[in-house]
Amino acid sequence: MMTPVTIVGAGLGGLTLARVLHVHGIPATIYEAEPSAQARTQGGQLDIHEHNGQVALEAAGLTEQFRAIIHAGGEAARVLDRHGKVLLDQPDEGTAGRPEVLRGDLRRILIDALPAGTIQWGRKLTGVRPLGDGRTELTFADGSTVRTELLVGADGAWSKVRPLLSDATPEYTGTTFVETYLHDADEHHTASATAVGGGAMYALAPGQGIVAHREAGGVIHTYVELNRSAEWVNAIDFTAAAAAAARVAAEFDGWAPELTALITDGETAPVPRMIHALPDGHRWDRVPGVTLLGDAAHLMPPSGEGANLAMLDGAELGLAIAAHPGDVEAALTAYEAAMFPRSEAEYADAHQILDLCLGDRAPFGFIDFFTGALQQEPDAPRR
């Protein structure tokens, strides 16, 4: 079986690519390991920026659908110290150019905009093999194979397509986020809900922080940020939810109880997210018939740009393919020529933001940045 455009991974970048191709009448197939669109929770709030994410959605013809899922008030932000004192409070005035949406809602509108059958669910990629002349063979866990003349790895941090292009592998950055949720927060967790406010809350100190975001339906989604070794993280048994939460909260001894309650009162098991990154400025030499987008191409520390960059990658790749009909190499060359320098610049911003959040001057370096460059790049990070 030979398909014109084969995409591995139904994340935001792969979906945007397929949608832009569809807009231009170009068929594509996405192979996704998950069994369905509802197989797992899709993460929390995303701020979608005017200069990249919104550009991608416009290219996909989905601006109206995007506007319908915006979380009003979600752009509000505040910075607290470890004692719960509010150091900075920025209301949502609807003018910052980065409206908030739930990742799951954004993924849904992209999926709904694709022709039936575009996404092949439950197709876990187990191997890729170059056949020569720009062709590649994919093997799946069910034993089936597919051959393609244009393969796009949109399969995230641990991409199985990446080794066709690069021997780079993600490395642990030394920072881990621990994810927790509170539900019906205004009713059952009043003090924590008040501390978080109406949008994003950053309680930061050198080496550690508690970052929370209010989501629709009274949900507060928290990332506990810690600069800790991999050995420290791996020593915690996160299957024992209460004990793991207590162990993480112990790192915040002396912090305000309304802040530590975001950890200890969590109503789902805490989930560690060890932050990995590819080498700064990761790039590769042109390999016929294959390219990457999103985290598969340029995994970097969280900066609020990951989803935006993945969607822009997908949109620009789709437009390049449409602009070079019948010439795969011209399309991929044009796409990578723009993507490489853009992602290289974003690596620098991502490291800067992580240092502002958890470096020696936290939270004051972050406040200086936030107040002095709210409308400038890099944007204030959302998780």
Foldseek 3Di string as FASTA:
>chain_A
DEAAEEEEDLALLSLLLQLLLVVLVHAYAYEYQAQDLVRDADDFKAWAAPVFRCVSCVSSVCNVVVVVFFDPFAVWEWEAELALHTPDTGTCPVPQRTTMGTSSSSSVVSVVSHPPRRYDYNWAWDAKADPDPQKIWTATPVGDIYIYNAYEYAPAQQTRQLVVWDPWHWDFPQKKKKKFKDALCVVPLVLLDVSCPRHWYWHFAAFWTKIWTADPRRMIMIITMGRHDPVVVVVADLVVQQVNLVVSLVVSPPGHPSRSCRRNVGPDRIDMDGQIWTPQLADGPDDGNYDYAANSGTRAAFQSCRSSRSSNLSSQLSVLCSVDPPDRSSSVVVSRVVSRVVSNVVNVLNVVLVCCRHNNPPPVSVVCCCVPACNHPPHHTDD
